[in-house]
Amino acid sequence: MPPTEPNARLVEIRTYKLKPGHAERFVAAMAAALPMVRASGMDVVAFGRSDHEHESFCLIRAYADRTELAAQQDAFYGSDAWRQGPRQALIDCLDDYLNTLLWLAPDSIEALRSRNAFDGPQPQ
C-alpha cells in the first residue's frame, strides 16, 4: 500500500531466529557486517536482540521506496566484499529469518532509532 504521508519511508524489519548457542558468533559477524551495510548507503535504523527471545535479533533499515530498497540490497548482497566477507559467518548462525515492510513517518523512524540502541558490543 502506498504511503499516505508524503515524507513516509519504507521500513524493513528483518528478524533473525538463530540456531541455539549462536548468539555470540552472530553478534561478532554483525559487528563486521554493519559497517559495510552503512557504507553501502543503507540507513540502518536499529539492530539488536529481541526483548522476549534470547536467540532472536532484528535489523531495521529505512528506504525511500521499494525501488531504492531493491537497488541498494541488490548492489550490496551481490558485492564481492559481502560474499567474501561476513556473509557465510552470518548464514551459519541462522535458523531462519523473516522480512516485514511497512511505511513510517520520519519521526516514527527516529523514535525507533533512539529507543532501540543495540545493547551489546556496538557494531560500527
PDB file of N, CA and C in Angstrom:
ATOM      1  N   MET A   1       0.845  -1.167   0.000  1.00  0.00           N
ATOM      2  CA  MET A   1       0.000   0.000   0.000  1.00  0.00           C
ATOM      3  C   MET A   1       0.894   1.235   0.000  1.00  0.00           C
ATOM      4  N   PRO A   2       0.647   2.197  -0.855  1.00  0.00           N
ATOM      5  CA  PRO A   2       1.451   3.417  -0.885  1.00  0.00           C
ATOM      6  C   PRO A   2       1.270   4.225   0.397  1.00  0.00           C
ATOM      7  N   PRO A   3       2.277   5.009   0.758  1.00  0.00           N
ATOM      8  CA  PRO A   3       2.181   5.795   1.992  1.00  0.00           C
ATOM      9  C   PRO A   3       1.145   6.899   1.860  1.00  0.00           C
ATOM     10  N   THR A   4       0.514   7.247   2.971  1.00  0.00           N
ATOM     11  CA  THR A   4      -0.435   8.351   2.975  1.00  0.00           C
ATOM     12  C   THR A   4       0.244   9.650   3.362  1.00  0.00           C
ATOM     13  N   GLU A   5       1.383   9.576   4.017  1.00  0.00           N
ATOM     14  CA  GLU A   5       2.147  10.773   4.383  1.00  0.00           C
ATOM     15  C   GLU A   5       3.206  11.010   3.314  1.00  0.00           C
ATOM     16  N   PRO A   6       3.354  12.234   2.828  1.00  0.00           N
ATOM     17  CA  PRO A   6       4.282  12.489   1.720  1.00  0.00           C
ATOM     18  C   PRO A   6       5.751  12.191   2.033  1.00  0.00           C
ATOM     19  N   ASN A   7       6.176  12.309   3.273  1.00  0.00           N
ATOM     20  CA  ASN A   7       7.579  12.064   3.626  1.00  0.00           C
ATOM     21  C   ASN A   7       7.813  10.678   4.213  1.00  0.00           C
ATOM     22  N   ALA A   8       6.829   9.811   4.147  1.00  0.00           N
ATOM     23  CA  ALA A   8       6.966   8.472   4.719  1.00  0.00           C
ATOM     24  C   ALA A   8       8.100   7.722   4.040  1.00  0.00           C
ATOM     25  N   ARG A   9       8.717   6.844   4.812  1.00  0.00           N
ATOM     26  CA  ARG A   9       9.794   5.999   4.278  1.00  0.00           C
ATOM     27  C   ARG A   9       9.398   4.541   4.467  1.00  0.00           C
ATOM     28  N   LEU A  10       9.909   3.717   3.588  1.00  0.00           N
ATOM     29  CA  LEU A  10       9.651   2.287   3.662  1.00  0.00           C
ATOM     30  C   LEU A  10      10.639   1.672   4.646  1.00  0.00           C
ATOM     31  N   VAL A  11      10.126   1.026   5.663  1.00  0.00           N
ATOM     32  CA  VAL A  11      10.956   0.429   6.702  1.00  0.00           C
ATOM     33  C   VAL A  11      10.908  -1.086   6.559  1.00  0.00           C
ATOM     34  N   GLU A  12      12.094  -1.673   6.560  1.00  0.00           N
ATOM     35  CA  GLU A  12      12.226  -3.130   6.524  1.00  0.00           C
ATOM     36  C   GLU A  12      12.634  -3.586   7.920  1.00  0.00           C
ATOM     37  N   ILE A  13      11.861  -4.491   8.476  1.00  0.00           N
ATOM     38  CA  ILE A  13      12.218  -5.115   9.748  1.00  0.00           C
ATOM     39  C   ILE A  13      12.578  -6.553   9.436  1.00  0.00           C
ATOM     40  N   ARG A  14      13.844  -6.864   9.581  1.00  0.00           N
ATOM     41  CA  ARG A  14      14.335  -8.221   9.324  1.00  0.00           C
ATOM     42  C   ARG A  14      14.576  -8.877  10.670  1.00  0.00           C
ATOM     43  N   THR A  15      13.853  -9.939  10.937  1.00  0.00           N
ATOM     44  CA  THR A  15      14.048 -10.668  12.195  1.00  0.00           C
ATOM     45  C   THR A  15      14.813 -11.946  11.909  1.00  0.00           C
ATOM     46  N   TYR A  16      15.754 -12.225  12.769  1.00  0.00           N
ATOM     47  CA  TYR A  16      16.610 -13.402  12.639  1.00  0.00           C
ATOM     48  C   TYR A  16      16.337 -14.351  13.800  1.00  0.00           C
ATOM     49  N   LYS A  17      16.064 -15.602  13.494  1.00  0.00           N
ATOM     50  CA  LYS A  17      15.990 -16.643  14.517  1.00  0.00           C
ATOM     51  C   LYS A  17      17.289 -17.435  14.387  1.00  0.00           C
ATOM     52  N   LEU A  18      18.052 -17.466  15.472  1.00  0.00           N
ATOM     53  CA  LEU A  18      19.365 -18.097  15.435  1.00  0.00           C
ATOM     54  C   LEU A  18      19.302 -19.554  15.857  1.00  0.00           C
ATOM     55  N   LYS A  19      20.298 -20.286  15.418  1.00  0.00           N
ATOM     56  CA  LYS A  19      20.488 -21.645  15.923  1.00  0.00           C
ATOM     57  C   LYS A  19      20.856 -21.523  17.399  1.00  0.00           C
ATOM     58  N   PRO A  20      20.443 -22.458  18.220  1.00  0.00           N
ATOM     59  CA  PRO A  20      20.782 -22.393  19.649  1.00  0.00           C
ATOM     60  C   PRO A  20      22.293 -22.257  19.862  1.00  0.00           C
ATOM     61  N   GLY A  21      22.668 -21.353  20.754  1.00  0.00           N
ATOM     62  CA  GLY A  21      24.070 -21.172  21.106  1.00  0.00           C
ATOM     63  C   GLY A  21      24.888 -20.345  20.128  1.00  0.00           C
ATOM     64  N   HIS A  22      24.253 -19.720  19.137  1.00  0.00           N
ATOM     65  CA  HIS A  22      24.985 -18.965  18.120  1.00  0.00           C
ATOM     66  C   HIS A  22      24.936 -17.447  18.300  1.00  0.00           C
ATOM     67  N   ALA A  23      24.345 -16.954  19.374  1.00  0.00           N
ATOM     68  CA  ALA A  23      24.163 -15.515  19.538  1.00  0.00           C
ATOM     69  C   ALA A  23      25.496 -14.760  19.556  1.00  0.00           C
ATOM     70  N   GLU A  24      26.466 -15.251  20.286  1.00  0.00           N
ATOM     71  CA  GLU A  24      27.746 -14.556  20.378  1.00  0.00           C
ATOM     72  C   GLU A  24      28.433 -14.480  19.013  1.00  0.00           C
ATOM     73  N   ARG A  25      28.416 -15.582  18.259  1.00  0.00           N
ATOM     74  CA  ARG A  25      29.009 -15.592  16.916  1.00  0.00           C
ATOM     75  C   ARG A  25      28.253 -14.649  15.976  1.00  0.00           C
ATOM     76  N   PHE A  26      26.922 -14.618  16.117  1.00  0.00           N
ATOM     77  CA  PHE A  26      26.109 -13.755  15.273  1.00  0.00           C
ATOM     78  C   PHE A  26      26.435 -12.282  15.533  1.00  0.00           C
ATOM     79  N   VAL A  27      26.527 -11.903  16.795  1.00  0.00           N
ATOM     80  CA  VAL A  27      26.851 -10.518  17.146  1.00  0.00           C
ATOM     81  C   VAL A  27      28.225 -10.142  16.588  1.00  0.00           C
ATOM     82  N   ALA A  28      29.190 -11.034  16.682  1.00  0.00           N
ATOM     83  CA  ALA A  28      30.523 -10.757  16.135  1.00  0.00           C
ATOM     84  C   ALA A  28      30.474 -10.585  14.619  1.00  0.00           C
ATOM     85  N   ALA A  29      29.724 -11.429  13.942  1.00  0.00           N
ATOM     86  CA  ALA A  29      29.609 -11.324  12.487  1.00  0.00           C
ATOM     87  C   ALA A  29      28.875 -10.037  12.093  1.00  0.00           C
ATOM     88  N   MET A  30      27.839  -9.661  12.850  1.00  0.00           N
ATOM     89  CA  MET A  30      27.123  -8.418  12.556  1.00  0.00           C
ATOM     90  C   MET A  30      28.005  -7.201  12.832  1.00  0.00           C
ATOM     91  N   ALA A  31      28.895  -7.291  13.814  1.00  0.00           N
ATOM     92  CA  ALA A  31      29.818  -6.194  14.083  1.00  0.00           C
ATOM     93  C   ALA A  31      30.714  -5.934  12.875  1.00  0.00           C
ATOM     94  N   ALA A  32      31.017  -6.996  12.123  1.00  0.00           N
ATOM     95  CA  ALA A  32      31.791  -6.847  10.895  1.00  0.00           C
ATOM     96  C   ALA A  32      30.906  -6.401   9.731  1.00  0.00           C
ATOM     97  N   ALA A  33      29.667  -6.860   9.692  1.00  0.00           N
ATOM     98  CA  ALA A  33      28.776  -6.590   8.561  1.00  0.00           C
ATOM     99  C   ALA A  33      28.163  -5.194   8.579  1.00  0.00           C
ATOM    100  N   LEU A  34      27.751  -4.709   9.752  1.00  0.00           N
ATOM    101  CA  LEU A  34      27.015  -3.444   9.798  1.00  0.00           C
ATOM    102  C   LEU A  34      27.792  -2.239   9.256  1.00  0.00           C
ATOM    103  N   PRO A  35      29.090  -2.125   9.495  1.00  0.00           N
ATOM    104  CA  PRO A  35      29.803  -1.003   8.866  1.00  0.00           C
ATOM    105  C   PRO A  35      29.748  -1.080   7.339  1.00  0.00           C
ATOM    106  N   MET A  36      29.776  -2.285   6.799  1.00  0.00           N
ATOM    107  CA  MET A  36      29.671  -2.455   5.347  1.00  0.00           C
ATOM    108  C   MET A  36      28.280  -2.056   4.858  1.00  0.00           C
ATOM    109  N   VAL A  37      27.258  -2.446   5.603  1.00  0.00           N
ATOM    110  CA  VAL A  37      25.882  -2.113   5.235  1.00  0.00           C
ATOM    111  C   VAL A  37      25.717  -0.595   5.221  1.00  0.00           C
ATOM    112  N   ARG A  38      26.182   0.053   6.280  1.00  0.00           N
ATOM    113  CA  ARG A  38      26.072   1.516   6.358  1.00  0.00           C
ATOM    114  C   ARG A  38      26.885   2.199   5.257  1.00  0.00           C
ATOM    115  N   ALA A  39      28.098   1.709   5.003  1.00  0.00           N
ATOM    116  CA  ALA A  39      28.956   2.301   3.975  1.00  0.00           C
ATOM    117  C   ALA A  39      28.344   2.164   2.582  1.00  0.00           C
ATOM    118  N   SER A  40      27.490   1.172   2.397  1.00  0.00           N
ATOM    119  CA  SER A  40      26.843   0.985   1.096  1.00  0.00           C
ATOM    120  C   SER A  40      25.725   2.001   0.863  1.00  0.00           C
ATOM    121  N   GLY A  41      25.366   2.758   1.898  1.00  0.00           N
ATOM    122  CA  GLY A  41      24.334   3.773   1.764  1.00  0.00           C
ATOM    123  C   GLY A  41      23.013   3.420   2.409  1.00  0.00           C
ATOM    124  N   MET A  42      22.875   2.200   2.930  1.00  0.00           N
ATOM    125  CA  MET A  42      21.626   1.828   3.575  1.00  0.00           C
ATOM    126  C   MET A  42      21.515   2.507   4.936  1.00  0.00           C
ATOM    127  N   ASP A  43      20.312   2.965   5.254  1.00  0.00           N
ATOM    128  CA  ASP A  43      20.040   3.627   6.529  1.00  0.00           C
ATOM    129  C   ASP A  43      19.679   2.564   7.564  1.00  0.00           C
ATOM    130  N   VAL A  44      20.634   2.222   8.417  1.00  0.00           N
ATOM    131  CA  VAL A  44      20.390   1.263   9.496  1.00  0.00           C
ATOM    132  C   VAL A  44      19.767   2.029  10.654  1.00  0.00           C
ATOM    133  N   VAL A  45      18.517   1.723  10.929  1.00  0.00           N
ATOM    134  CA  VAL A  45      17.771   2.402  11.982  1.00  0.00           C
ATOM    135  C   VAL A  45      18.076   1.774  13.336  1.00  0.00           C
ATOM    136  N   ALA A  46      18.109   0.454  13.391  1.00  0.00           N
ATOM    137  CA  ALA A  46      18.366  -0.243  14.655  1.00  0.00           C
ATOM    138  C   ALA A  46      18.815  -1.670  14.381  1.00  0.00           C
ATOM    139  N   PHE A  47      19.551  -2.197  15.324  1.00  0.00           N
ATOM    140  CA  PHE A  47      19.932  -3.604  15.340  1.00  0.00           C
ATOM    141  C   PHE A  47      19.982  -4.027  16.795  1.00  0.00           C
ATOM    142  N   GLY A  48      19.463  -5.193  17.095  1.00  0.00           N
ATOM    143  CA  GLY A  48      19.571  -5.667  18.460  1.00  0.00           C
ATOM    144  C   GLY A  48      18.834  -6.958  18.713  1.00  0.00           C
ATOM    145  N   ARG A  49      18.985  -7.406  19.923  1.00  0.00           N
ATOM    146  CA  ARG A  49      18.364  -8.645  20.382  1.00  0.00           C
ATOM    147  C   ARG A  49      16.891  -8.396  20.679  1.00  0.00           C
ATOM    148  N   SER A  50      16.070  -9.384  20.402  1.00  0.00           N
ATOM    149  CA  SER A  50      14.661  -9.314  20.740  1.00  0.00           C
ATOM    150  C   SER A  50      14.500  -9.171  22.246  1.00  0.00           C
ATOM    151  N   ASP A  51      13.513  -8.422  22.637  1.00  0.00           N
ATOM    152  CA  ASP A  51      13.255  -8.215  24.058  1.00  0.00           C
ATOM    153  C   ASP A  51      12.652  -9.456  24.721  1.00  0.00           C
ATOM    154  N   HIS A  52      12.172 -10.407  23.919  1.00  0.00           N
ATOM    155  CA  HIS A  52      11.481 -11.558  24.508  1.00  0.00           C
ATOM    156  C   HIS A  52      12.092 -12.917  24.159  1.00  0.00           C
ATOM    157  N   GLU A  53      13.009 -12.984  23.213  1.00  0.00           N
ATOM    158  CA  GLU A  53      13.628 -14.262  22.849  1.00  0.00           C
ATOM    159  C   GLU A  53      15.132 -14.081  22.739  1.00  0.00           C
ATOM    160  N   HIS A  54      15.873 -14.820  23.519  1.00  0.00           N
ATOM    161  CA  HIS A  54      17.326 -14.687  23.562  1.00  0.00           C
ATOM    162  C   HIS A  54      17.978 -14.984  22.212  1.00  0.00           C
ATOM    163  N   GLU A  55      17.421 -15.894  21.448  1.00  0.00           N
ATOM    164  CA  GLU A  55      18.039 -16.306  20.181  1.00  0.00           C
ATOM    165  C   GLU A  55      17.436 -15.593  18.974  1.00  0.00           C
ATOM    166  N   SER A  56      16.788 -14.445  19.193  1.00  0.00           N
ATOM    167  CA  SER A  56      16.213 -13.674  18.091  1.00  0.00           C
ATOM    168  C   SER A  56      16.773 -12.253  18.099  1.00  0.00           C
ATOM    169  N   PHE A  57      17.040 -11.751  16.897  1.00  0.00           N
ATOM    170  CA  PHE A  57      17.559 -10.403  16.706  1.00  0.00           C
ATOM    171  C   PHE A  57      16.768  -9.735  15.594  1.00  0.00           C
ATOM    172  N   CYS A  58      16.901  -8.421  15.501  1.00  0.00           N
ATOM    173  CA  CYS A  58      16.285  -7.721  14.380  1.00  0.00           C
ATOM    174  C   CYS A  58      17.237  -6.674  13.828  1.00  0.00           C
ATOM    175  N   LEU A  59      17.083  -6.429  12.543  1.00  0.00           N
ATOM    176  CA  LEU A  59      17.788  -5.369  11.836  1.00  0.00           C
ATOM    177  C   LEU A  59      16.704  -4.531  11.173  1.00  0.00           C
ATOM    178  N   ILE A  60      16.693  -3.236  11.449  1.00  0.00           N
ATOM    179  CA  ILE A  60      15.689  -2.340  10.888  1.00  0.00           C
ATOM    180  C   ILE A  60      16.407  -1.337   9.991  1.00  0.00           C
ATOM    181  N   ARG A  61      15.937  -1.255   8.741  1.00  0.00           N
ATOM    182  CA  ARG A  61      16.513  -0.313   7.780  1.00  0.00           C
ATOM    183  C   ARG A  61      15.392   0.501   7.142  1.00  0.00           C
ATOM    184  N   ALA A  62      15.717   1.729   6.706  1.00  0.00           N
ATOM    185  CA  ALA A  62      14.727   2.606   6.080  1.00  0.00           C
ATOM    186  C   ALA A  62      15.178   2.973   4.669  1.00  0.00           C
ATOM    187  N   TYR A  63      14.194   3.061   3.775  1.00  0.00           N
ATOM    188  CA  TYR A  63      14.427   3.355   2.361  1.00  0.00           C
ATOM    189  C   TYR A  63      13.393   4.360   1.872  1.00  0.00           C
ATOM    190  N   ALA A  64      13.684   5.019   0.771  1.00  0.00           N
ATOM    191  CA  ALA A  64      12.732   5.944   0.167  1.00  0.00           C
ATOM    192  C   ALA A  64      11.513   5.194  -0.367  1.00  0.00           C
ATOM    193  N   ASP A  65      11.759   4.001  -0.952  1.00  0.00           N
ATOM    194  CA  ASP A  65      10.678   3.225  -1.566  1.00  0.00           C
ATOM    195  C   ASP A  65      11.211   1.841  -1.926  1.00  0.00           C
ATOM    196  N   ARG A  66      10.355   1.016  -2.542  1.00  0.00           N
ATOM    197  CA  ARG A  66      10.762  -0.351  -2.917  1.00  0.00           C
ATOM    198  C   ARG A  66      11.879  -0.359  -3.949  1.00  0.00           C
ATOM    199  N   THR A  67      11.885   0.629  -4.840  1.00  0.00           N
ATOM    200  CA  THR A  67      12.935   0.703  -5.860  1.00  0.00           C
ATOM    201  C   THR A  67      14.296   0.916  -5.215  1.00  0.00           C
ATOM    202  N   GLU A  68      14.364   1.838  -4.262  1.00  0.00           N
ATOM    203  CA  GLU A  68      15.631   2.073  -3.566  1.00  0.00           C
ATOM    204  C   GLU A  68      16.043   0.849  -2.768  1.00  0.00           C
ATOM    205  N   LEU A  69      15.103   0.223  -2.072  1.00  0.00           N
ATOM    206  CA  LEU A  69      15.400  -0.989  -1.305  1.00  0.00           C
ATOM    207  C   LEU A  69      16.034  -2.043  -2.216  1.00  0.00           C
ATOM    208  N   ALA A  70      15.391  -2.319  -3.346  1.00  0.00           N
ATOM    209  CA  ALA A  70      15.891  -3.353  -4.260  1.00  0.00           C
ATOM    210  C   ALA A  70      17.266  -2.989  -4.814  1.00  0.00           C
ATOM    211  N   ALA A  71      17.443  -1.737  -5.220  1.00  0.00           N
ATOM    212  CA  ALA A  71      18.724  -1.328  -5.796  1.00  0.00           C
ATOM    213  C   ALA A  71      19.854  -1.424  -4.779  1.00  0.00           C
ATOM    214  N   GLN A  72      19.619  -0.918  -3.573  1.00  0.00           N
ATOM    215  CA  GLN A  72      20.678  -0.948  -2.562  1.00  0.00           C
ATOM    216  C   GLN A  72      20.981  -2.370  -2.112  1.00  0.00           C
ATOM    217  N   GLN A  73      19.947  -3.170  -1.888  1.00  0.00           N
ATOM    218  CA  GLN A  73      20.195  -4.536  -1.441  1.00  0.00           C
ATOM    219  C   GLN A  73      20.808  -5.388  -2.540  1.00  0.00           C
ATOM    220  N   ASP A  74      20.366  -5.224  -3.781  1.00  0.00           N
ATOM    221  CA  ASP A  74      20.967  -5.985  -4.881  1.00  0.00           C
ATOM    222  C   ASP A  74      22.448  -5.660  -5.019  1.00  0.00           C
ATOM    223  N   ALA A  75      22.778  -4.377  -4.950  1.00  0.00           N
ATOM    224  CA  ALA A  75      24.187  -3.970  -5.067  1.00  0.00           C
ATOM    225  C   ALA A  75      25.008  -4.508  -3.907  1.00  0.00           C
ATOM    226  N   PHE A  76      24.484  -4.390  -2.696  1.00  0.00           N
ATOM    227  CA  PHE A  76      25.236  -4.831  -1.524  1.00  0.00           C
ATOM    228  C   PHE A  76      25.383  -6.353  -1.484  1.00  0.00           C
ATOM    229  N   TYR A  77      24.264  -7.071  -1.550  1.00  0.00           N
ATOM    230  CA  TYR A  77      24.312  -8.527  -1.415  1.00  0.00           C
ATOM    231  C   TYR A  77      24.944  -9.222  -2.618  1.00  0.00           C
ATOM    232  N   GLY A  78      25.083  -8.505  -3.727  1.00  0.00           N
ATOM    233  CA  GLY A  78      25.772  -9.053  -4.895  1.00  0.00           C
ATOM    234  C   GLY A  78      27.251  -8.722  -4.933  1.00  0.00           C
ATOM    235  N   SER A  79      27.721  -7.934  -3.978  1.00  0.00           N
ATOM    236  CA  SER A  79      29.120  -7.477  -3.996  1.00  0.00           C
ATOM    237  C   SER A  79      30.088  -8.566  -3.533  1.00  0.00           C
ATOM    238  N   ASP A  80      31.295  -8.506  -4.065  1.00  0.00           N
ATOM    239  CA  ASP A  80      32.351  -9.419  -3.628  1.00  0.00           C
ATOM    240  C   ASP A  80      32.699  -9.203  -2.159  1.00  0.00           C
ATOM    241  N   ALA A  81      32.674  -7.936  -1.716  1.00  0.00           N
ATOM    242  CA  ALA A  81      33.010  -7.641  -0.316  1.00  0.00           C
ATOM    243  C   ALA A  81      32.072  -8.392   0.623  1.00  0.00           C
ATOM    244  N   TRP A  82      30.780  -8.441   0.293  1.00  0.00           N
ATOM    245  CA  TRP A  82      29.808  -9.161   1.123  1.00  0.00           C
ATOM    246  C   TRP A  82      30.000 -10.665   0.980  1.00  0.00           C
ATOM    247  N   ARG A  83      30.076 -11.127  -0.231  1.00  0.00           N
ATOM    248  CA  ARG A  83      30.158 -12.578  -0.480  1.00  0.00           C
ATOM    249  C   ARG A  83      31.441 -13.186   0.086  1.00  0.00           C
ATOM    250  N   GLN A  84      32.522 -12.436   0.053  1.00  0.00           N
ATOM    251  CA  GLN A  84      33.795 -12.937   0.562  1.00  0.00           C
ATOM    252  C   GLN A  84      34.068 -12.469   1.987  1.00  0.00           C
ATOM    253  N   GLY A  85      33.167 -11.659   2.531  1.00  0.00           N
ATOM    254  CA  GLY A  85      33.325 -11.124   3.875  1.00  0.00           C
ATOM    255  C   GLY A  85      32.497 -11.883   4.894  1.00  0.00           C
ATOM    256  N   PRO A  86      31.645 -11.182   5.659  1.00  0.00           N
ATOM    257  CA  PRO A  86      30.939 -11.798   6.789  1.00  0.00           C
ATOM    258  C   PRO A  86      29.710 -12.638   6.411  1.00  0.00           C
ATOM    259  N   ARG A  87      29.376 -12.734   5.141  1.00  0.00           N
ATOM    260  CA  ARG A  87      28.158 -13.431   4.714  1.00  0.00           C
ATOM    261  C   ARG A  87      28.046 -14.833   5.297  1.00  0.00           C
ATOM    262  N   GLN A  88      29.040 -15.658   5.068  1.00  0.00           N
ATOM    263  CA  GLN A  88      28.947 -17.059   5.489  1.00  0.00           C
ATOM    264  C   GLN A  88      28.882 -17.200   7.002  1.00  0.00           C
ATOM    265  N   ALA A  89      29.632 -16.365   7.715  1.00  0.00           N
ATOM    266  CA  ALA A  89      29.589 -16.418   9.188  1.00  0.00           C
ATOM    267  C   ALA A  89      28.182 -16.116   9.702  1.00  0.00           C
ATOM    268  N   LEU A  90      27.496 -15.169   9.061  1.00  0.00           N
ATOM    269  CA  LEU A  90      26.118 -14.866   9.455  1.00  0.00           C
ATOM    270  C   LEU A  90      25.173 -16.000   9.099  1.00  0.00           C
ATOM    271  N   ILE A  91      25.278 -16.481   7.881  1.00  0.00           N
ATOM    272  CA  ILE A  91      24.393 -17.558   7.430  1.00  0.00           C
ATOM    273  C   ILE A  91      24.533 -18.787   8.321  1.00  0.00           C
ATOM    274  N   ASP A  92      25.745 -19.078   8.748  1.00  0.00           N
ATOM    275  CA  ASP A  92      25.986 -20.250   9.596  1.00  0.00           C
ATOM    276  C   ASP A  92      25.259 -20.155  10.943  1.00  0.00           C
ATOM    277  N   CYS A  93      24.915 -18.950  11.365  1.00  0.00           N
ATOM    278  CA  CYS A  93      24.236 -18.752  12.648  1.00  0.00           C
ATOM    279  C   CYS A  93      22.713 -18.838  12.552  1.00  0.00           C
ATOM    280  N   LEU A  94      22.179 -18.738  11.348  1.00  0.00           N
ATOM    281  CA  LEU A  94      20.733 -18.590  11.176  1.00  0.00           C
ATOM    282  C   LEU A  94      19.983 -19.908  11.129  1.00  0.00           C
ATOM    283  N   ASP A  95      18.883 -19.920  11.859  1.00  0.00           N
ATOM    284  CA  ASP A  95      17.898 -20.982  11.716  1.00  0.00           C
ATOM    285  C   ASP A  95      16.873 -20.537  10.673  1.00  0.00           C
ATOM    286  N   ASP A  96      16.484 -19.240  10.736  1.00  0.00           N
ATOM    287  CA  ASP A  96      15.508 -18.690   9.804  1.00  0.00           C
ATOM    288  C   ASP A  96      15.528 -17.167   9.920  1.00  0.00           C
ATOM    289  N   TYR A  97      14.934 -16.485   8.939  1.00  0.00           N
ATOM    290  CA  TYR A  97      14.735 -15.043   9.041  1.00  0.00           C
ATOM    291  C   TYR A  97      13.473 -14.659   8.295  1.00  0.00           C
ATOM    292  N   LEU A  98      12.950 -13.488   8.627  1.00  0.00           N
ATOM    293  CA  LEU A  98      11.713 -13.002   8.035  1.00  0.00           C
ATOM    294  C   LEU A  98      11.833 -11.499   7.834  1.00  0.00           C
ATOM    295  N   ASN A  99      11.390 -11.014   6.672  1.00  0.00           N
ATOM    296  CA  ASN A  99      11.352  -9.578   6.392  1.00  0.00           C
ATOM    297  C   ASN A  99       9.920  -9.086   6.422  1.00  0.00           C
ATOM    298  N   THR A 100       9.724  -7.923   7.018  1.00  0.00           N
ATOM    299  CA  THR A 100       8.445  -7.244   7.005  1.00  0.00           C
ATOM    300  C   THR A 100       8.683  -5.817   6.535  1.00  0.00           C
ATOM    301  N   LEU A 101       7.854  -5.333   5.613  1.00  0.00           N
ATOM    302  CA  LEU A 101       7.955  -3.967   5.105  1.00  0.00           C
ATOM    303  C   LEU A 101       6.734  -3.179   5.527  1.00  0.00           C
ATOM    304  N   LEU A 102       6.974  -1.935   5.975  1.00  0.00           N
ATOM    305  CA  LEU A 102       5.871  -1.043   6.308  1.00  0.00           C
ATOM    306  C   LEU A 102       6.319   0.395   6.125  1.00  0.00           C
ATOM    307  N   TRP A 103       5.348   1.269   5.950  1.00  0.00           N
ATOM    308  CA  TRP A 103       5.636   2.692   5.778  1.00  0.00           C
ATOM    309  C   TRP A 103       5.518   3.400   7.115  1.00  0.00           C
ATOM    310  N   LEU A 104       6.516   4.269   7.399  1.00  0.00           N
ATOM    311  CA  LEU A 104       6.501   5.038   8.638  1.00  0.00           C
ATOM    312  C   LEU A 104       6.868   6.493   8.367  1.00  0.00           C
ATOM    313  N   ALA A 105       6.348   7.360   9.203  1.00  0.00           N
ATOM    314  CA  ALA A 105       6.717   8.769   9.170  1.00  0.00           C
ATOM    315  C   ALA A 105       8.148   8.928   9.693  1.00  0.00           C
ATOM    316  N   PRO A 106       8.858   9.942   9.229  1.00  0.00           N
ATOM    317  CA  PRO A 106      10.237  10.160   9.693  1.00  0.00           C
ATOM    318  C   PRO A 106      10.375  10.239  11.213  1.00  0.00           C
ATOM    319  N   ASP A 107       9.420  10.869  11.911  1.00  0.00           N
ATOM    320  CA  ASP A 107       9.547  10.951  13.367  1.00  0.00           C
ATOM    321  C   ASP A 107       9.390   9.586  14.026  1.00  0.00           C
ATOM    322  N   SER A 108       8.613   8.703  13.424  1.00  0.00           N
ATOM    323  CA  SER A 108       8.489   7.331  13.947  1.00  0.00           C
ATOM    324  C   SER A 108       9.787   6.559  13.755  1.00  0.00           C
ATOM    325  N   ILE A 109      10.431   6.779  12.637  1.00  0.00           N
ATOM    326  CA  ILE A 109      11.719   6.124  12.373  1.00  0.00           C
ATOM    327  C   ILE A 109      12.758   6.612  13.370  1.00  0.00           C
ATOM    328  N   GLU A 110      12.774   7.905  13.639  1.00  0.00           N
ATOM    329  CA  GLU A 110      13.732   8.445  14.607  1.00  0.00           C
ATOM    330  C   GLU A 110      13.449   7.925  16.010  1.00  0.00           C
ATOM    331  N   ALA A 111      12.182   7.720  16.334  1.00  0.00           N
ATOM    332  CA  ALA A 111      11.845   7.139  17.635  1.00  0.00           C
ATOM    333  C   ALA A 111      12.368   5.706  17.720  1.00  0.00           C
ATOM    334  N   LEU A 112      12.209   4.938  16.660  1.00  0.00           N
ATOM    335  CA  LEU A 112      12.777   3.579  16.636  1.00  0.00           C
ATOM    336  C   LEU A 112      14.292   3.630  16.825  1.00  0.00           C
ATOM    337  N   ARG A 113      14.924   4.547  16.118  1.00  0.00           N
ATOM    338  CA  ARG A 113      16.389   4.669  16.173  1.00  0.00           C
ATOM    339  C   ARG A 113      16.856   4.995  17.596  1.00  0.00           C
ATOM    340  N   SER A 114      16.201   5.940  18.234  1.00  0.00           N
ATOM    341  CA  SER A 114      16.672   6.399  19.542  1.00  0.00           C
ATOM    342  C   SER A 114      16.290   5.452  20.678  1.00  0.00           C
ATOM    343  N   ARG A 115      15.219   4.713  20.530  1.00  0.00           N
ATOM    344  CA  ARG A 115      14.737   3.855  21.629  1.00  0.00           C
ATOM    345  C   ARG A 115      15.219   2.414  21.528  1.00  0.00           C
ATOM    346  N   ASN A 116      15.943   2.081  20.490  1.00  0.00           N
ATOM    347  CA  ASN A 116      16.345   0.690  20.284  1.00  0.00           C
ATOM    348  C   ASN A 116      17.827   0.563  20.001  1.00  0.00           C
ATOM    349  N   ALA A 117      18.612   1.242  20.783  1.00  0.00           N
ATOM    350  CA  ALA A 117      20.067   1.141  20.640  1.00  0.00           C
ATOM    351  C   ALA A 117      20.491  -0.282  20.970  1.00  0.00           C
ATOM    352  N   PHE A 118      21.465  -0.762  20.263  1.00  0.00           N
ATOM    353  CA  PHE A 118      21.971  -2.104  20.461  1.00  0.00           C
ATOM    354  C   PHE A 118      22.579  -2.213  21.855  1.00  0.00           C
ATOM    355  N   ASP A 119      22.253  -3.320  22.563  1.00  0.00           N
ATOM    356  CA  ASP A 119      22.645  -3.450  23.957  1.00  0.00           C
ATOM    357  C   ASP A 119      23.878  -4.331  24.196  1.00  0.00           C
ATOM    358  N   GLY A 120      24.637  -4.589  23.189  1.00  0.00           N
ATOM    359  CA  GLY A 120      25.834  -5.404  23.351  1.00  0.00           C
ATOM    360  C   GLY A 120      27.019  -4.678  22.761  1.00  0.00           C
ATOM    361  N   PRO A 121      28.077  -5.429  22.387  1.00  0.00           N
ATOM    362  CA  PRO A 121      29.215  -4.785  21.714  1.00  0.00           C
ATOM    363  C   PRO A 121      28.683  -4.031  20.509  1.00  0.00           C
ATOM    364  N   GLN A 122      28.958  -2.746  20.416  1.00  0.00           N
ATOM    365  CA  GLN A 122      28.333  -1.896  19.405  1.00  0.00           C
ATOM    366  C   GLN A 122      28.941  -2.132  18.020  1.00  0.00           C
ATOM    367  N   PRO A 123      28.155  -2.696  17.092  1.00  0.00           N
ATOM    368  CA  PRO A 123      28.642  -2.765  15.712  1.00  0.00           C
ATOM    369  C   PRO A 123      28.748  -1.344  15.170  1.00  0.00           C
ATOM    370  N   GLN A 124      29.825  -1.040  14.515  1.00  0.00           N
ATOM    371  CA  GLN A 124      30.045   0.319  13.971  1.00  0.00           C
ATOM    372  C   GLN A 124      29.259   0.538  12.719  1.00  0.00           C
TER     373      GLN A 124
END
